[in-house]
Amino acid sequence: MRISEEIDDFFAYLSVEKGDEVSTLTTYEDDLNEFASYMKDCDVSLLTREDISDFISFLSKKGLATSSLIRKGTTVRNFYRFLGAEGLLDVSLHGLYLPKAEKRLPNVLTDEEVECLLDSFDESKPGEIRDRAMTEVMYASGLRVSELLNLTLGDINAQEGFVKVRSGKGQKDRLVPIGEFALDALNTYYKEVRSKIPHAKDSKYVFLNMRGGKLSRQYFWKQIKMYASRCGIKTPITPHSLRHSFATHLLENGANLREVQQMLGHSKIETTQIYTHVSARRILSAYDRLMGGGKKGDG
């Protein structure tokens, strides 16, 4: 059986048994047709695991993006597994190498952008007083959005200046310092907003909507976008950008990598090390601007 003939059966399996969407199938079909052309539509019994690696290498030399190489390689690998399940091919794919996704450096706000964001709230509006407190706490302590929204009144120790962060399943809780600005914003929120929310006394959560319910991740994501737009921040921003900025700014100001790892709740130091690359990139960028400015002034 030729590759092109088995592609039809493969897509029947994907659409009927797995229920894949038409748009997904079309992409897979293009990928497999390209593979069939590369292999000169040979008999499927002649396929080897090396053919996948050779195909990926061929595409790489054509300059395809890593994401495309990963998708095409995964599609062909799944096709091989289908052929194996049908008894048409006996090839072990154990240990087959496929390109790894490129690690993208996270978007980080500058110090000036953070200041701009924190100054963008209208404190005549109760909702914005709360949103400012949330933003201050997230930036001051590097919390994940879920950790921020799950903070309870007992998790914040204002006297000692730390927050107890209740991590997800399988991870240890951790203590993270919280600064004076965040504590001041929290106190304002408690006195001027939370104390006046109906049924707030019945909730253990720090941050509530105006009906006394728990806030959603989607709400905070939408609000951060709005505040960033309000003060003209061009950097693509999400709530997680505040966590990235927290880590990067700490490292730029001399914090120990292990300490930052513990505050972020990373199980592996390698996860935290990405922020050293961001920090170095920002420092070099500032240096380039400085040198570029100096050259212009020398003329």
Protein backbone atom coordinates (compact mmCIF):
# COMPACT_ATOMS: atom_id res chain seq x y z
CA MET A 1 0.00 0.00 0.00
CA ARG A 2 1.31 3.44 -0.96
CA ILE A 3 1.59 6.26 1.57
CA SER A 4 -1.03 8.33 -0.26
CA GLU A 5 -3.53 5.47 -0.03
CA GLU A 6 -3.06 5.05 3.72
CA ILE A 7 -3.34 8.79 4.34
CA ASP A 8 -7.05 8.59 3.43
CA ASP A 9 -7.62 5.80 5.96
CA PHE A 10 -5.67 7.74 8.58
CA PHE A 11 -7.90 10.79 8.15
CA ALA A 12 -11.03 8.67 8.27
CA TYR A 13 -9.78 7.36 11.61
CA LEU A 14 -9.02 10.89 12.90
CA SER A 15 -12.36 12.35 11.84
CA VAL A 16 -14.67 9.46 12.76
CA GLU A 17 -13.02 7.84 15.77
CA LYS A 18 -11.18 10.79 17.30
CA GLY A 19 -13.48 13.56 16.12
CA ASP A 20 -10.73 15.97 15.06
CA GLU A 21 -11.90 19.24 13.53
CA VAL A 22 -11.77 19.86 9.77
CA SER A 23 -9.22 22.68 10.12
CA THR A 24 -6.90 20.38 12.08
CA LEU A 25 -7.31 17.60 9.54
CA THR A 26 -6.50 19.94 6.67
CA THR A 27 -3.22 20.92 8.33
CA TYR A 28 -2.34 17.27 8.99
CA GLU A 29 -3.20 16.38 5.40
CA ASP A 30 -0.84 19.02 4.04
CA ASP A 31 1.93 17.75 6.32
CA LEU A 32 1.49 14.11 5.30
CA ASN A 33 1.18 14.90 1.61
CA GLU A 34 4.50 16.72 1.92
CA PHE A 35 5.99 13.65 3.61
CA ALA A 36 4.57 11.37 0.90
CA SER A 37 6.10 13.56 -1.79
CA TYR A 38 9.46 13.52 0.03
CA MET A 39 9.32 9.72 0.20
CA LYS A 40 8.19 9.49 -3.46
CA ASP A 41 4.96 7.86 -2.26
CA CYS A 42 6.74 4.58 -1.53
CA ASP A 43 5.10 1.49 -0.07
CA VAL A 44 4.41 1.99 3.66
CA SER A 45 6.17 -1.27 4.49
CA LEU A 46 9.46 0.35 3.41
CA LEU A 47 9.25 3.25 5.90
CA THR A 48 11.88 3.47 8.64
CA ARG A 49 12.24 5.64 11.73
CA GLU A 50 15.22 7.33 10.07
CA ASP A 51 12.88 8.60 7.35
CA ILE A 52 11.17 10.83 9.92
CA SER A 53 14.48 12.33 11.07
CA ASP A 54 15.63 12.80 7.48
CA PHE A 55 12.34 14.50 6.60
CA ILE A 56 12.68 16.91 9.53
CA SER A 57 16.29 17.63 8.59
CA PHE A 58 15.21 18.31 4.99
CA LEU A 59 12.54 20.77 6.16
CA SER A 60 14.94 22.42 8.59
CA LYS A 61 17.37 23.18 5.77
CA LYS A 62 14.50 24.89 3.95
CA GLY A 63 14.29 27.29 6.87
CA LEU A 64 11.00 26.21 8.45
CA ALA A 65 10.22 27.53 11.92
CA THR A 66 10.78 25.18 14.83
CA SER A 67 7.05 25.15 15.63
CA SER A 68 6.31 23.91 12.09
CA LEU A 69 9.02 21.25 12.31
CA ILE A 70 7.55 20.00 15.59
CA ARG A 71 4.02 19.86 14.17
CA LYS A 72 5.04 18.07 10.97
CA GLY A 73 7.25 15.60 12.83
CA THR A 74 4.46 14.85 15.31
CA THR A 75 1.97 14.32 12.49
CA VAL A 76 4.23 11.83 10.71
CA ARG A 77 4.97 10.05 13.99
CA ASN A 78 1.23 9.66 14.65
CA PHE A 79 0.79 8.35 11.12
CA TYR A 80 3.45 5.72 11.82
CA ARG A 81 1.60 4.70 14.99
CA PHE A 82 -1.62 4.35 13.02
CA LEU A 83 0.15 2.16 10.48
CA GLY A 84 1.54 0.05 13.31
CA ALA A 85 -1.90 -0.37 14.86
CA GLU A 86 -3.21 -1.49 11.49
CA GLY A 87 -0.45 -4.09 11.19
CA LEU A 88 1.08 -2.38 8.16
CA LEU A 89 4.36 -1.25 9.74
CA ASP A 90 6.61 -2.58 12.47
CA VAL A 91 8.87 0.30 13.48
CA SER A 92 9.86 1.29 17.02
CA LEU A 93 9.58 5.03 17.63
CA HIS A 94 11.10 4.87 21.10
CA GLY A 95 13.64 7.66 21.58
CA LEU A 96 12.82 9.29 18.24
CA TYR A 97 14.21 12.82 18.29
CA LEU A 98 11.98 15.73 17.36
CA PRO A 99 12.97 19.39 17.66
CA LYS A 100 12.10 21.01 20.97
CA ALA A 101 9.99 24.10 21.18
CA GLU A 102 11.97 27.30 21.45
CA LYS A 103 11.83 28.86 24.90
CA ARG A 104 10.40 32.31 24.55
CA LEU A 105 11.62 34.91 26.98
CA PRO A 106 8.71 36.30 28.97
CA ASN A 107 7.48 39.84 28.49
CA VAL A 108 8.73 42.03 31.33
CA LEU A 109 7.67 45.56 32.19
CA THR A 110 10.26 48.24 32.79
CA ASP A 111 10.37 50.00 36.14
CA GLU A 112 8.73 53.01 34.49
CA GLU A 113 5.93 50.87 33.04
CA VAL A 114 5.24 49.32 36.43
CA GLU A 115 5.05 52.80 37.99
CA CYS A 116 2.74 53.90 35.20
CA LEU A 117 0.49 50.87 35.73
CA LEU A 118 0.29 51.35 39.49
CA ASP A 119 -0.56 55.05 39.02
CA SER A 120 -3.34 54.33 36.51
CA PHE A 121 -6.08 53.50 39.01
CA ASP A 122 -8.93 55.89 39.80
CA GLU A 123 -9.20 55.64 43.57
CA SER A 124 -12.58 57.33 43.60
CA LYS A 125 -13.95 54.01 42.27
CA PRO A 126 -14.21 51.05 44.69
CA GLY A 127 -13.46 48.49 41.97
CA GLU A 128 -10.24 50.24 41.02
CA ILE A 129 -9.14 50.51 44.65
CA ARG A 130 -9.47 46.72 44.83
CA ASP A 131 -7.75 46.22 41.47
CA ARG A 132 -4.84 48.36 42.59
CA ALA A 133 -4.44 46.29 45.75
CA MET A 134 -4.45 43.11 43.66
CA THR A 135 -1.86 44.52 41.27
CA GLU A 136 0.37 45.79 44.09
CA VAL A 137 0.27 42.42 45.88
CA MET A 138 0.94 40.44 42.72
CA TYR A 139 3.91 42.57 41.73
CA ALA A 140 5.28 42.82 45.28
CA SER A 141 5.19 39.06 45.89
CA GLY A 142 5.40 37.50 42.41
CA LEU A 143 2.23 35.47 42.80
CA ARG A 144 0.50 33.45 40.13
CA VAL A 145 -3.00 34.65 39.29
CA SER A 146 -4.59 31.58 40.90
CA GLU A 147 -2.52 32.13 44.05
CA LEU A 148 -3.57 35.78 44.22
CA LEU A 149 -7.26 34.99 43.85
CA ASN A 150 -7.07 32.18 46.42
CA LEU A 151 -5.46 34.35 49.12
CA THR A 152 -7.42 34.20 52.36
CA LEU A 153 -7.51 36.80 55.12
CA GLY A 154 -5.37 34.54 57.31
CA ASP A 155 -2.67 34.22 54.64
CA ILE A 156 -1.51 37.82 55.01
CA ASN A 157 0.63 38.65 58.01
CA ALA A 158 0.89 42.44 57.87
CA GLN A 159 2.80 42.67 61.14
CA GLU A 160 5.59 40.36 60.00
CA GLY A 161 5.38 41.52 56.37
CA PHE A 162 4.81 38.26 54.52
CA VAL A 163 2.17 36.34 52.58
CA LYS A 164 1.52 32.62 52.93
CA VAL A 165 1.03 31.25 49.44
CA ARG A 166 -0.97 28.07 49.16
CA SER A 167 0.50 26.32 46.14
CA GLY A 168 -1.15 23.78 43.88
CA LYS A 169 -1.40 20.04 44.23
CA GLY A 170 1.88 18.35 45.13
CA GLN A 171 3.68 21.60 45.93
CA LYS A 172 4.61 23.03 49.31
CA ASP A 173 3.12 26.22 50.67
CA ARG A 174 5.63 29.06 50.86
CA LEU A 175 6.15 32.36 52.65
CA VAL A 176 6.82 35.40 50.46
CA PRO A 177 7.69 38.94 51.63
CA ILE A 178 5.22 41.69 50.90
CA GLY A 179 6.23 45.35 50.75
CA GLU A 180 4.82 48.46 52.38
CA PHE A 181 3.17 49.76 49.19
CA ALA A 182 1.21 46.54 48.80
CA LEU A 183 0.22 46.51 52.47
CA ASP A 184 -0.91 50.14 52.26
CA ALA A 185 -3.01 49.33 49.17
CA LEU A 186 -4.50 46.34 50.99
CA ASN A 187 -5.40 48.41 54.05
CA THR A 188 -7.13 50.99 51.86
CA TYR A 189 -9.06 48.21 50.12
CA TYR A 190 -10.07 46.63 53.43
CA LYS A 191 -11.32 49.90 54.94
CA GLU A 192 -12.89 51.61 51.95
CA VAL A 193 -14.16 48.71 49.85
CA ARG A 194 -14.20 45.23 51.34
CA SER A 195 -15.83 46.32 54.62
CA LYS A 196 -18.77 47.70 52.61
CA ILE A 197 -19.31 44.70 50.32
CA PRO A 198 -22.46 42.69 51.17
CA HIS A 199 -21.73 39.36 52.86
CA ALA A 200 -17.96 40.02 52.81
CA LYS A 201 -17.76 38.83 56.42
CA ASP A 202 -18.94 35.42 55.27
CA SER A 203 -16.01 34.98 52.85
CA LYS A 204 -12.47 33.96 53.71
CA TYR A 205 -11.04 35.30 50.45
CA VAL A 206 -9.22 38.61 50.38
CA PHE A 207 -10.38 39.83 46.97
CA LEU A 208 -14.11 39.84 46.24
CA ASN A 209 -16.43 41.20 43.59
CA MET A 210 -19.01 43.79 44.59
CA ARG A 211 -21.57 41.07 45.37
CA GLY A 212 -19.24 39.32 47.80
CA GLY A 213 -18.24 36.53 45.44
CA LYS A 214 -14.80 35.31 44.43
CA LEU A 215 -13.17 37.00 41.44
CA SER A 216 -12.30 35.08 38.29
CA ARG A 217 -9.00 34.84 36.42
CA GLN A 218 -10.71 36.18 33.32
CA TYR A 219 -11.77 39.34 35.16
CA PHE A 220 -8.27 40.19 36.33
CA TRP A 221 -6.77 39.42 32.92
CA LYS A 222 -9.26 41.81 31.30
CA GLN A 223 -8.65 44.54 33.86
CA ILE A 224 -4.86 44.45 33.59
CA LYS A 225 -5.14 44.83 29.83
CA MET A 226 -7.43 47.81 30.31
CA TYR A 227 -5.17 49.58 32.81
CA ALA A 228 -2.10 48.99 30.64
CA SER A 229 -3.91 50.48 27.66
CA ARG A 230 -5.04 53.42 29.76
CA CYS A 231 -1.50 54.50 30.56
CA GLY A 232 -0.10 53.76 27.11
CA ILE A 233 1.97 50.63 27.83
CA LYS A 234 2.91 49.07 24.49
CA THR A 235 4.44 45.88 25.90
CA PRO A 236 2.00 42.93 25.51
CA ILE A 237 0.82 42.36 29.06
CA THR A 238 -1.08 39.74 31.03
CA PRO A 239 -1.36 39.29 34.81
CA HIS A 240 1.58 36.87 34.57
CA SER A 241 3.71 39.75 33.25
CA LEU A 242 3.69 41.12 36.80
CA ARG A 243 5.19 37.86 38.08
CA HIS A 244 7.83 37.94 35.35
CA SER A 245 8.61 41.56 36.18
CA PHE A 246 8.87 40.78 39.91
CA ALA A 247 11.49 38.07 39.26
CA THR A 248 13.49 40.04 36.71
CA HIS A 249 13.61 43.22 38.78
CA LEU A 250 14.74 41.27 41.84
CA LEU A 251 17.64 39.73 39.91
CA GLU A 252 18.58 43.09 38.39
CA ASN A 253 18.83 44.49 41.88
CA GLY A 254 21.16 41.76 43.12
CA ALA A 255 18.81 39.13 44.54
CA ASN A 256 20.11 35.57 44.85
CA LEU A 257 18.77 33.15 42.22
CA ARG A 258 17.90 30.53 44.86
CA GLU A 259 15.95 33.10 46.87
CA VAL A 260 13.97 34.11 43.78
CA GLN A 261 13.32 30.44 43.03
CA GLN A 262 11.87 29.95 46.51
CA MET A 263 9.71 33.07 46.30
CA LEU A 264 8.32 32.02 42.92
CA GLY A 265 7.69 28.47 44.10
CA HIS A 266 9.68 26.85 41.28
CA SER A 267 10.62 23.24 41.93
CA LYS A 268 13.60 23.45 39.56
CA ILE A 269 16.27 26.15 39.44
CA GLU A 270 16.33 25.85 35.63
CA THR A 271 12.83 27.33 35.50
CA THR A 272 14.01 30.40 37.39
CA GLN A 273 17.17 30.80 35.33
CA ILE A 274 15.20 32.09 32.35
CA TYR A 275 14.88 35.37 34.24
CA THR A 276 18.65 35.78 34.25
CA HIS A 277 18.49 35.81 30.44
CA VAL A 278 15.71 38.42 30.52
CA SER A 279 17.69 40.52 32.97
CA ALA A 280 20.84 40.34 30.85
CA ARG A 281 18.89 41.21 27.72
CA ARG A 282 17.41 44.28 29.40
CA ILE A 283 20.76 45.45 30.71
CA LEU A 284 22.39 45.04 27.30
CA SER A 285 19.50 46.86 25.66
CA ALA A 286 19.93 49.77 28.07
CA TYR A 287 23.67 49.78 27.40
CA ASP A 288 23.09 49.83 23.64
CA ARG A 289 20.73 52.76 23.97
CA LEU A 290 23.23 54.59 26.13
CA MET A 291 26.08 53.99 23.69
CA GLY A 292 23.89 54.85 20.75
CA GLY A 293 22.90 58.10 22.41
CA GLY A 294 26.51 58.87 23.21
CA LYS A 295 27.59 58.37 19.61
CA LYS A 296 24.95 60.75 18.35
CA GLY A 297 26.11 63.37 20.80
CA ASP A 298 29.76 63.00 19.83
CA GLY A 299 29.34 64.45 16.38
